[in-house]
Amino acid sequence: MTWLQRHRLRRLLGASLWITPAACMVGAIAIAPLIRRLDEATRWSLFGFGPAGARALTAAFVSTTFTCIVFVFTILLVAVQIASAQLTPRIIARAFANNATRAAVGLFAFTFVYGLAVLSRIDASVPQLGIALTIVLNMATIATFVYLVSYLGEHLRPVSVLTDVGNRGIRVIEQVYPSRLTEETAPAEVLAAPPSQTVELSSKSGVVLALDIKGLTALAEREDCIIEVVPRVGDFVARGDPLFNIYGGSRRLDTPVRESIALGSERTMEQDPAFAFRIIVDIALKALSPAINDPTTAVLAIDQIHHLLRKVGVRRLDTGVVRDRAGRARLVYRTPDWEDFVELAVTEIRQYGADSVQVARRLLAMLENLLASLPPTRTGPLRTELTLHEESVALHFRSAEDRSRASQPDSQGVGGASGSRTKVP
């Protein structure tokens, strides 16, 4: 199995809601005869149900379980629609790929199919152990249904979504940028000569999701060449667009390099730390829209952006060149730099929240804190954003008192300004 096939399989298993309940239904069909044989061997008689009572009870349980399944999908669809309208459509995949949701739907599917299997076997004799297991499963189904409703309500709140995206963004940042800023790395390779071959996208268009870094490096070493990845992870690539430039080597590498890049319909955070910023910024922009007008949610988004920028600011972002053991460059690919992250994190929120005192104060607190806490090499873009912020406040707040208040850094937006100012060097 190639890297691309393994990647597609992992995405299918990780993002599909139907696989878990389908497997549970198969498991219920497989386990039903085993439980029946165990019942015949042990002569289980704890409840002592007669045929009529067992049939009525099991039928009621099957009906209840099916109702739970219908209600869960209805609640899930409504909750996702509301959350995507209030926050961002980019959280829809997150809601359906949630492990708690998949486990709950799997339990419901198992209980429903197993109940049908037991009901079909009730005649003159009653499978007492099967009836007992059906009772236990239905009690667990009801408890899980109540838990899932509460969980979805908690999980799709703005603060929960923002915190989850922020935590996942931190993990991706540490994966994509493994070196800290204090560590020494070799300078990036400059590819001045024209490529000996260019590999274009021959399949359908899509967004670059991930690269097989190890596989491409090993391929370049075997072929004694340098492979340059043209699009950045997160870029859209149309059919016929260049995917790879190859420098050196003696044979065409179209097939092996195409098997080392994964495309999809939309961006993911697998190898794309900027997408975490994109999701959080989109939530902030939706909150600042006139239709919603919720600057407090925007402040919660800036909290997570602040955390992500602090993490990115201490990582070495000039990676993108992979070398072999002899120190020769073998793979070159592009990643976002510090200016990209700062611009993505601040520009749109400053523009859309220009009239909000909360947003102005929280952005100012973030910029001043970053200037004071990050290394001096990171201060250039931050000072530029600080200047733009001051100009925006002067432009949008006509009253001298409003300008004064909007020019106070506040870690809470409004209400936390006392003692929050950090001296900027």
Protein backbone atom coordinates (compact mmCIF):
# COMPACT_ATOMS: atom_id res chain seq x y z
CA MET A 1 0.00 0.00 0.00
CA THR A 2 1.41 3.39 -1.01
CA TRP A 3 1.64 6.42 1.24
CA LEU A 4 -1.25 8.06 -0.62
CA GLN A 5 -3.49 5.01 -0.18
CA ARG A 6 -2.67 4.85 3.53
CA HIS A 7 -3.41 8.57 3.84
CA ARG A 8 -6.79 8.18 2.14
CA LEU A 9 -7.63 5.22 4.36
CA ARG A 10 -6.73 7.19 7.51
CA ARG A 11 -8.89 10.10 6.36
CA LEU A 12 -11.78 7.76 5.61
CA LEU A 13 -11.56 6.11 9.02
CA GLY A 14 -11.03 9.41 10.82
CA ALA A 15 -13.69 11.53 9.13
CA SER A 16 -16.54 9.17 8.24
CA LEU A 17 -19.54 8.89 10.57
CA TRP A 18 -21.01 5.76 8.97
CA ILE A 19 -18.11 3.34 9.49
CA THR A 20 -18.55 2.90 13.25
CA PRO A 21 -22.31 2.16 13.18
CA ALA A 22 -21.86 -0.11 10.16
CA ALA A 23 -19.19 -2.11 12.02
CA CYS A 24 -21.40 -2.23 15.11
CA MET A 25 -24.33 -3.60 13.12
CA VAL A 26 -22.12 -6.34 11.70
CA GLY A 27 -20.85 -7.03 15.20
CA ALA A 28 -24.40 -7.33 16.54
CA ILE A 29 -25.31 -9.85 13.84
CA ALA A 30 -22.15 -11.84 14.61
CA ILE A 31 -22.53 -11.83 18.40
CA ALA A 32 -26.24 -12.70 18.51
CA PRO A 33 -25.80 -16.46 17.78
CA LEU A 34 -22.90 -16.64 20.24
CA ILE A 35 -25.05 -15.19 23.01
CA ARG A 36 -27.85 -17.60 22.06
CA ARG A 37 -25.52 -20.61 22.35
CA LEU A 38 -24.21 -19.34 25.68
CA ASP A 39 -27.81 -18.96 26.88
CA GLU A 40 -28.60 -22.54 25.88
CA ALA A 41 -25.48 -23.81 27.65
CA THR A 42 -25.98 -21.89 30.91
CA ARG A 43 -29.81 -22.05 31.09
CA TRP A 44 -29.94 -18.43 32.20
CA SER A 45 -33.20 -17.70 34.07
CA LEU A 46 -32.68 -14.52 36.08
CA PHE A 47 -35.72 -12.61 34.74
CA GLY A 48 -37.86 -15.58 33.72
CA PHE A 49 -39.75 -13.84 30.90
CA GLY A 50 -42.47 -15.71 29.07
CA PRO A 51 -42.78 -15.53 25.27
CA ALA A 52 -45.49 -12.85 25.22
CA GLY A 53 -43.78 -10.59 27.75
CA ALA A 54 -40.35 -10.99 26.18
CA ARG A 55 -41.74 -10.20 22.73
CA ALA A 56 -43.57 -7.08 23.94
CA LEU A 57 -40.56 -5.82 25.94
CA THR A 58 -38.05 -6.38 23.15
CA ALA A 59 -40.32 -4.76 20.54
CA ALA A 60 -40.69 -1.70 22.78
CA PHE A 61 -36.92 -1.50 23.25
CA VAL A 62 -36.29 -1.78 19.50
CA SER A 63 -38.77 1.00 18.85
CA THR A 64 -37.20 3.19 21.53
CA THR A 65 -33.71 2.67 20.13
CA PHE A 66 -34.82 3.55 16.61
CA THR A 67 -36.44 6.73 17.97
CA CYS A 68 -33.15 7.64 19.69
CA ILE A 69 -31.28 7.20 16.41
CA VAL A 70 -33.71 9.48 14.59
CA PHE A 71 -33.56 12.12 17.31
CA VAL A 72 -29.75 12.04 17.48
CA PHE A 73 -29.34 12.68 13.76
CA THR A 74 -32.01 15.39 13.85
CA ILE A 75 -30.34 17.13 16.80
CA LEU A 76 -26.90 16.75 15.22
CA LEU A 77 -28.00 18.24 11.88
CA VAL A 78 -29.81 21.15 13.53
CA ALA A 79 -26.90 21.85 15.91
CA VAL A 80 -24.37 21.76 13.07
CA GLN A 81 -26.50 24.09 10.93
CA ILE A 82 -26.84 26.60 13.74
CA ALA A 83 -23.16 26.38 14.70
CA SER A 84 -22.00 26.75 11.10
CA ALA A 85 -24.25 29.78 10.64
CA GLN A 86 -23.14 31.40 13.89
CA LEU A 87 -19.47 30.37 13.78
CA THR A 88 -18.07 29.02 10.49
CA PRO A 89 -18.97 26.23 8.03
CA ARG A 90 -15.48 24.82 8.51
CA ILE A 91 -16.53 23.15 11.77
CA ILE A 92 -19.05 20.82 10.08
CA ALA A 93 -16.48 18.10 9.41
CA ARG A 94 -15.26 18.40 13.01
CA ALA A 95 -18.77 17.76 14.37
CA PHE A 96 -19.37 14.62 12.30
CA ALA A 97 -15.88 13.24 12.92
CA ASN A 98 -16.24 13.57 16.68
CA ASN A 99 -15.38 10.33 18.51
CA ALA A 100 -18.16 10.73 21.09
CA THR A 101 -20.78 11.10 18.37
CA ARG A 102 -19.51 8.09 16.45
CA ALA A 103 -19.36 5.94 19.58
CA ALA A 104 -22.91 6.90 20.57
CA VAL A 105 -24.33 6.22 17.11
CA GLY A 106 -22.42 2.93 17.07
CA LEU A 107 -23.99 1.89 20.39
CA PHE A 108 -27.45 2.80 19.11
CA ALA A 109 -26.93 0.81 15.90
CA PHE A 110 -25.62 -2.21 17.83
CA THR A 111 -28.55 -2.11 20.27
CA PHE A 112 -31.12 -1.77 17.47
CA VAL A 113 -29.80 -4.66 15.36
CA TYR A 114 -29.19 -6.91 18.36
CA GLY A 115 -32.71 -6.23 19.61
CA LEU A 116 -34.11 -7.25 16.22
CA ALA A 117 -31.98 -10.42 16.29
CA VAL A 118 -33.32 -11.36 19.74
CA LEU A 119 -36.91 -10.51 18.80
CA SER A 120 -36.75 -12.78 15.76
CA ARG A 121 -35.76 -15.74 17.97
CA ILE A 122 -38.57 -15.49 20.52
CA ASP A 123 -41.02 -18.34 19.99
CA ALA A 124 -42.04 -21.06 22.42
CA SER A 125 -38.64 -20.70 24.11
CA VAL A 126 -37.25 -17.37 25.30
CA PRO A 127 -33.52 -16.49 25.06
CA GLN A 128 -33.27 -15.19 28.62
CA LEU A 129 -29.63 -14.11 28.37
CA GLY A 130 -30.38 -12.27 25.12
CA ILE A 131 -33.31 -10.47 26.76
CA ALA A 132 -31.10 -9.49 29.73
CA LEU A 133 -28.42 -8.12 27.39
CA THR A 134 -31.11 -6.21 25.47
CA ILE A 135 -32.27 -4.57 28.72
CA VAL A 136 -28.71 -3.57 29.61
CA LEU A 137 -28.05 -2.21 26.12
CA ASN A 138 -31.24 -0.14 26.14
CA MET A 139 -30.43 1.34 29.54
CA ALA A 140 -27.01 2.26 28.18
CA THR A 141 -28.65 3.71 25.05
CA ILE A 142 -30.93 6.00 27.05
CA ALA A 143 -28.07 7.17 29.27
CA THR A 144 -25.86 7.75 26.23
CA PHE A 145 -28.61 9.66 24.44
CA VAL A 146 -28.98 12.08 27.35
CA TYR A 147 -25.20 12.44 27.59
CA LEU A 148 -24.82 13.06 23.85
CA VAL A 149 -27.42 15.84 23.84
CA SER A 150 -25.55 17.53 26.69
CA TYR A 151 -22.19 16.88 25.05
CA LEU A 152 -23.20 18.36 21.70
CA GLY A 153 -24.59 21.45 23.40
CA GLU A 154 -21.29 21.90 25.24
CA HIS A 155 -19.05 20.86 22.37
CA LEU A 156 -20.48 23.30 19.81
CA ARG A 157 -20.33 26.37 22.02
CA PRO A 158 -18.01 29.08 20.64
CA VAL A 159 -15.48 28.78 23.47
CA SER A 160 -15.32 24.98 23.08
CA VAL A 161 -14.85 25.15 19.32
CA LEU A 162 -12.20 27.86 19.61
CA THR A 163 -10.31 26.00 22.35
CA ASP A 164 -10.34 22.75 20.39
CA VAL A 165 -9.12 24.44 17.20
CA GLY A 166 -6.43 26.28 19.16
CA ASN A 167 -5.17 23.09 20.82
CA ARG A 168 -5.07 21.24 17.51
CA GLY A 169 -3.26 24.20 15.96
CA ILE A 170 -0.58 24.01 18.65
CA ARG A 171 0.04 20.35 17.87
CA VAL A 172 0.34 21.04 14.15
CA ILE A 173 2.72 23.96 14.75
CA GLU A 174 5.00 21.73 16.82
CA GLN A 175 4.90 19.08 14.10
CA VAL A 176 5.54 21.38 11.12
CA TYR A 177 8.09 23.57 12.95
CA PRO A 178 10.00 21.16 15.21
CA SER A 179 12.98 23.49 15.85
CA ARG A 180 12.92 26.34 18.33
CA LEU A 181 14.15 29.76 17.32
CA THR A 182 17.38 29.41 19.33
CA GLU A 183 18.45 26.30 17.42
CA GLU A 184 20.75 26.62 14.43
CA THR A 185 19.65 25.27 11.06
CA ALA A 186 21.28 25.35 7.67
CA PRO A 187 20.22 28.18 5.35
CA ALA A 188 17.59 27.43 2.74
CA GLU A 189 18.78 26.14 -0.60
CA VAL A 190 18.40 28.53 -3.53
CA LEU A 191 17.30 26.79 -6.71
CA ALA A 192 18.60 29.10 -9.41
CA ALA A 193 18.90 26.64 -12.31
CA PRO A 194 15.81 25.67 -14.33
CA PRO A 195 14.24 22.31 -13.44
CA SER A 196 15.06 19.27 -15.56
CA GLN A 197 11.45 18.14 -15.38
CA THR A 198 8.11 19.43 -14.11
CA VAL A 199 5.31 17.16 -12.92
CA GLU A 200 1.78 18.51 -13.34
CA LEU A 201 -1.50 17.51 -11.71
CA SER A 202 -3.18 14.96 -13.97
CA SER A 203 -6.16 14.09 -11.72
CA LYS A 204 -9.06 16.27 -10.57
CA SER A 205 -8.46 19.62 -8.89
CA GLY A 206 -8.22 19.97 -5.13
CA VAL A 207 -6.50 21.49 -2.12
CA VAL A 208 -3.10 20.20 -1.00
CA LEU A 209 -3.67 18.40 2.30
CA ALA A 210 -0.35 16.72 3.09
CA LEU A 211 3.03 15.68 1.75
CA ASP A 212 5.01 12.49 2.27
CA ILE A 213 8.16 14.30 3.42
CA LYS A 214 10.12 11.14 4.22
CA GLY A 215 9.08 9.39 1.03
CA LEU A 216 9.96 12.34 -1.21
CA THR A 217 13.32 12.77 0.53
CA ALA A 218 14.16 9.08 0.10
CA LEU A 219 13.11 9.20 -3.55
CA ALA A 220 15.28 12.25 -4.23
CA GLU A 221 18.24 10.56 -2.56
CA ARG A 222 17.82 7.38 -4.60
CA GLU A 223 17.52 9.31 -7.86
CA ASP A 224 20.28 11.80 -6.91
CA CYS A 225 18.11 14.85 -7.53
CA ILE A 226 16.35 17.71 -5.75
CA ILE A 227 12.55 17.71 -5.59
CA GLU A 228 10.77 21.03 -5.17
CA VAL A 229 7.10 21.04 -4.16
CA VAL A 230 5.51 23.95 -6.03
CA PRO A 231 2.22 24.48 -4.14
CA ARG A 232 2.14 25.04 -0.41
CA VAL A 233 0.02 22.84 1.84
CA GLY A 234 -3.39 24.50 1.81
CA ASP A 235 -3.10 25.83 -1.76
CA PHE A 236 -5.70 25.00 -4.39
CA VAL A 237 -4.30 23.18 -7.42
CA ALA A 238 -6.17 22.83 -10.72
CA ARG A 239 -5.65 20.08 -13.25
CA GLY A 240 -2.59 20.88 -15.33
CA ASP A 241 -0.96 23.05 -12.65
CA PRO A 242 2.65 22.19 -11.70
CA LEU A 243 3.04 20.05 -8.60
CA PHE A 244 6.78 19.35 -8.55
CA ASN A 245 9.95 20.72 -10.10
CA ILE A 246 12.76 18.19 -10.24
CA TYR A 247 16.38 19.21 -10.54
CA GLY A 248 18.76 16.50 -11.76
CA GLY A 249 18.05 12.81 -11.99
CA SER A 250 18.00 10.62 -15.08
CA ARG A 251 14.41 9.38 -15.40
CA ARG A 252 10.85 10.64 -15.18
CA LEU A 253 9.39 10.57 -11.67
CA ASP A 254 5.77 11.45 -12.44
CA THR A 255 4.11 8.45 -10.79
CA PRO A 256 6.15 8.21 -7.56
CA VAL A 257 5.94 11.94 -6.77
CA ARG A 258 2.20 12.08 -7.50
CA GLU A 259 1.79 9.24 -5.00
CA SER A 260 3.45 11.45 -2.37
CA ILE A 261 0.98 14.34 -2.29
CA ALA A 262 -2.60 14.19 -0.98
CA LEU A 263 -5.36 16.40 -2.35
CA GLY A 264 -8.86 16.95 -1.03
CA SER A 265 -11.94 19.09 -1.37
CA GLU A 266 -11.13 21.41 1.54
CA ARG A 267 -8.23 22.28 3.80
CA THR A 268 -7.40 20.33 6.94
CA MET A 269 -5.01 21.00 9.81
CA GLU A 270 -2.97 17.84 9.27
CA GLN A 271 0.11 19.72 7.97
CA ASP A 272 -1.42 23.19 7.67
CA PRO A 273 -0.91 25.34 10.80
CA ALA A 274 -2.23 28.43 9.02
CA PHE A 275 -5.63 26.73 8.70
CA ALA A 276 -6.05 26.85 12.47
CA PHE A 277 -5.62 30.63 12.27
CA ARG A 278 -8.02 30.73 9.32
CA ILE A 279 -10.80 28.95 11.23
CA ILE A 280 -10.41 31.12 14.33
CA VAL A 281 -10.28 34.33 12.30
CA ASP A 282 -13.40 33.26 10.37
CA ILE A 283 -15.25 32.72 13.65
CA ALA A 284 -14.19 36.19 14.80
CA LEU A 285 -15.29 37.76 11.51
CA LYS A 286 -18.68 36.03 11.66
CA ALA A 287 -19.13 37.27 15.24
CA LEU A 288 -18.31 40.83 14.13
CA SER A 289 -20.75 40.77 11.21
CA PRO A 290 -23.79 43.09 11.50
CA ALA A 291 -26.13 40.09 11.46
CA ILE A 292 -24.61 38.60 14.62
CA ASN A 293 -22.80 41.52 16.32
CA ASP A 294 -21.10 39.49 19.07
CA PRO A 295 -17.73 41.13 19.84
CA THR A 296 -17.29 39.00 22.96
CA THR A 297 -16.93 35.89 20.78
CA ALA A 298 -14.37 37.82 18.72
CA VAL A 299 -12.43 38.50 21.93
CA LEU A 300 -12.50 34.76 22.72
CA ALA A 301 -11.10 34.15 19.24
CA ILE A 302 -8.30 36.68 19.82
CA ASP A 303 -7.44 34.82 23.04
CA GLN A 304 -6.70 31.69 20.98
CA ILE A 305 -4.90 33.65 18.27
CA HIS A 306 -2.71 35.24 20.96
CA HIS A 307 -1.82 31.78 22.26
CA LEU A 308 -1.03 30.47 18.77
CA LEU A 309 1.14 33.48 17.88
CA ARG A 310 3.14 33.05 21.08
CA LYS A 311 3.77 29.45 20.14
CA VAL A 312 4.67 30.23 16.49
CA GLY A 313 6.84 33.17 17.54
CA VAL A 314 9.36 30.97 19.34
CA ARG A 315 9.64 28.37 16.56
CA ARG A 316 12.10 28.49 13.68
CA LEU A 317 9.91 29.06 10.62
CA ASP A 318 12.57 28.92 7.90
CA THR A 319 12.24 25.16 7.46
CA GLY A 320 11.29 23.70 4.12
CA VAL A 321 14.63 22.21 3.06
CA VAL A 322 15.31 18.55 3.87
CA ARG A 323 18.88 17.30 3.50
CA ASP A 324 20.45 13.88 3.33
CA ARG A 325 23.17 12.65 5.66
CA ALA A 326 25.84 14.28 3.53
CA GLY A 327 24.17 17.68 3.89
CA ARG A 328 22.91 17.91 0.30
CA ALA A 329 19.45 19.39 -0.23
CA ARG A 330 16.97 16.76 -1.41
CA LEU A 331 13.52 18.26 -0.83
CA VAL A 332 12.34 21.87 -0.92
CA TYR A 333 8.82 22.88 0.09
CA ARG A 334 7.20 26.11 1.25
CA THR A 335 5.73 26.84 4.67
CA PRO A 336 4.18 30.05 6.07
CA ASP A 337 6.60 32.55 7.60
CA TRP A 338 6.13 34.88 10.58
CA GLU A 339 4.78 37.74 8.46
CA ASP A 340 2.14 35.41 6.98
CA PHE A 341 0.93 34.36 10.41
CA VAL A 342 0.79 37.89 11.83
CA GLU A 343 -1.04 39.26 8.79
CA LEU A 344 -3.53 36.40 8.83
CA ALA A 345 -4.11 36.73 12.56
CA VAL A 346 -4.59 40.49 12.81
CA THR A 347 -5.51 42.23 9.55
CA GLU A 348 -9.10 41.12 8.97
CA ILE A 349 -10.09 41.25 12.63
CA ARG A 350 -8.73 44.78 12.89
CA GLN A 351 -10.71 45.83 9.82
CA TYR A 352 -14.00 44.14 10.70
CA GLY A 353 -13.76 45.10 14.37
CA ALA A 354 -12.66 48.68 13.75
CA ASP A 355 -15.77 50.10 15.50
CA SER A 356 -15.61 47.79 18.52
CA VAL A 357 -13.93 49.00 21.70
CA GLN A 358 -13.65 45.41 22.92
CA VAL A 359 -11.79 44.23 19.83
CA ALA A 360 -9.53 47.29 19.70
CA ARG A 361 -8.47 46.92 23.33
CA ARG A 362 -7.96 43.14 23.12
CA LEU A 363 -5.90 43.43 19.91
CA LEU A 364 -3.75 46.11 21.48
CA ALA A 365 -3.17 43.95 24.57
CA MET A 366 -2.16 41.04 22.35
CA LEU A 367 0.26 43.06 20.22
CA GLU A 368 1.94 44.69 23.22
CA ASN A 369 2.30 41.37 25.01
CA LEU A 370 3.83 39.74 21.94
CA LEU A 371 6.25 42.63 21.50
CA ALA A 372 7.35 42.27 25.11
CA SER A 373 7.58 38.47 25.23
CA LEU A 374 8.86 37.34 21.81
CA PRO A 375 12.46 37.57 20.54
CA PRO A 376 13.53 40.86 18.90
CA THR A 377 13.60 39.21 15.44
CA ARG A 378 9.81 38.92 15.62
CA THR A 379 9.03 42.55 16.41
CA GLY A 380 8.99 44.02 12.88
CA PRO A 381 5.57 42.77 11.69
CA LEU A 382 4.13 43.31 15.18
CA ARG A 383 5.19 46.97 15.22
CA THR A 384 3.68 47.40 11.76
CA GLU A 385 0.38 45.99 13.00
CA LEU A 386 0.58 48.18 16.09
CA THR A 387 0.95 51.27 13.92
CA LEU A 388 -1.99 50.21 11.73
CA HIS A 389 -4.03 49.60 14.86
CA GLU A 390 -3.32 53.09 16.17
CA GLU A 391 -4.31 54.59 12.82
CA SER A 392 -7.53 52.56 12.80
CA VAL A 393 -8.48 53.75 16.28
CA ALA A 394 -7.82 57.37 15.33
CA LEU A 395 -9.94 56.98 12.19
CA HIS A 396 -12.98 55.19 13.62
CA PHE A 397 -13.35 56.78 17.07
CA ARG A 398 -14.20 60.47 16.64
CA SER A 399 -14.63 61.28 20.32
CA ALA A 400 -11.44 61.95 22.28
CA GLU A 401 -12.77 59.94 25.21
CA ASP A 402 -13.64 56.96 22.97
CA ARG A 403 -10.19 57.11 21.37
CA SER A 404 -8.63 57.14 24.82
CA ARG A 405 -10.62 54.11 25.91
CA ALA A 406 -9.99 52.21 22.67
CA SER A 407 -6.26 52.90 23.11
CA GLN A 408 -6.12 51.08 26.45
CA PRO A 409 -4.88 47.47 26.24
CA ASP A 410 -7.30 45.07 27.91
CA SER A 411 -6.83 41.31 28.11
CA GLN A 412 -10.61 40.88 28.47
CA GLY A 413 -11.67 43.44 25.90
CA VAL A 414 -13.54 45.55 28.43
CA GLY A 415 -13.21 45.18 32.19
CA GLY A 416 -9.65 43.90 32.51
CA ALA A 417 -7.54 46.94 31.68
CA SER A 418 -6.38 47.63 35.23
CA GLY A 419 -2.69 46.74 35.43
CA SER A 420 -2.76 44.95 32.07
CA ARG A 421 -0.45 47.27 30.14
CA THR A 422 2.87 45.66 29.30
CA LYS A 423 5.79 47.95 28.76
CA VAL A 424 6.96 47.61 25.15
CA PRO A 425 10.74 47.75 24.69
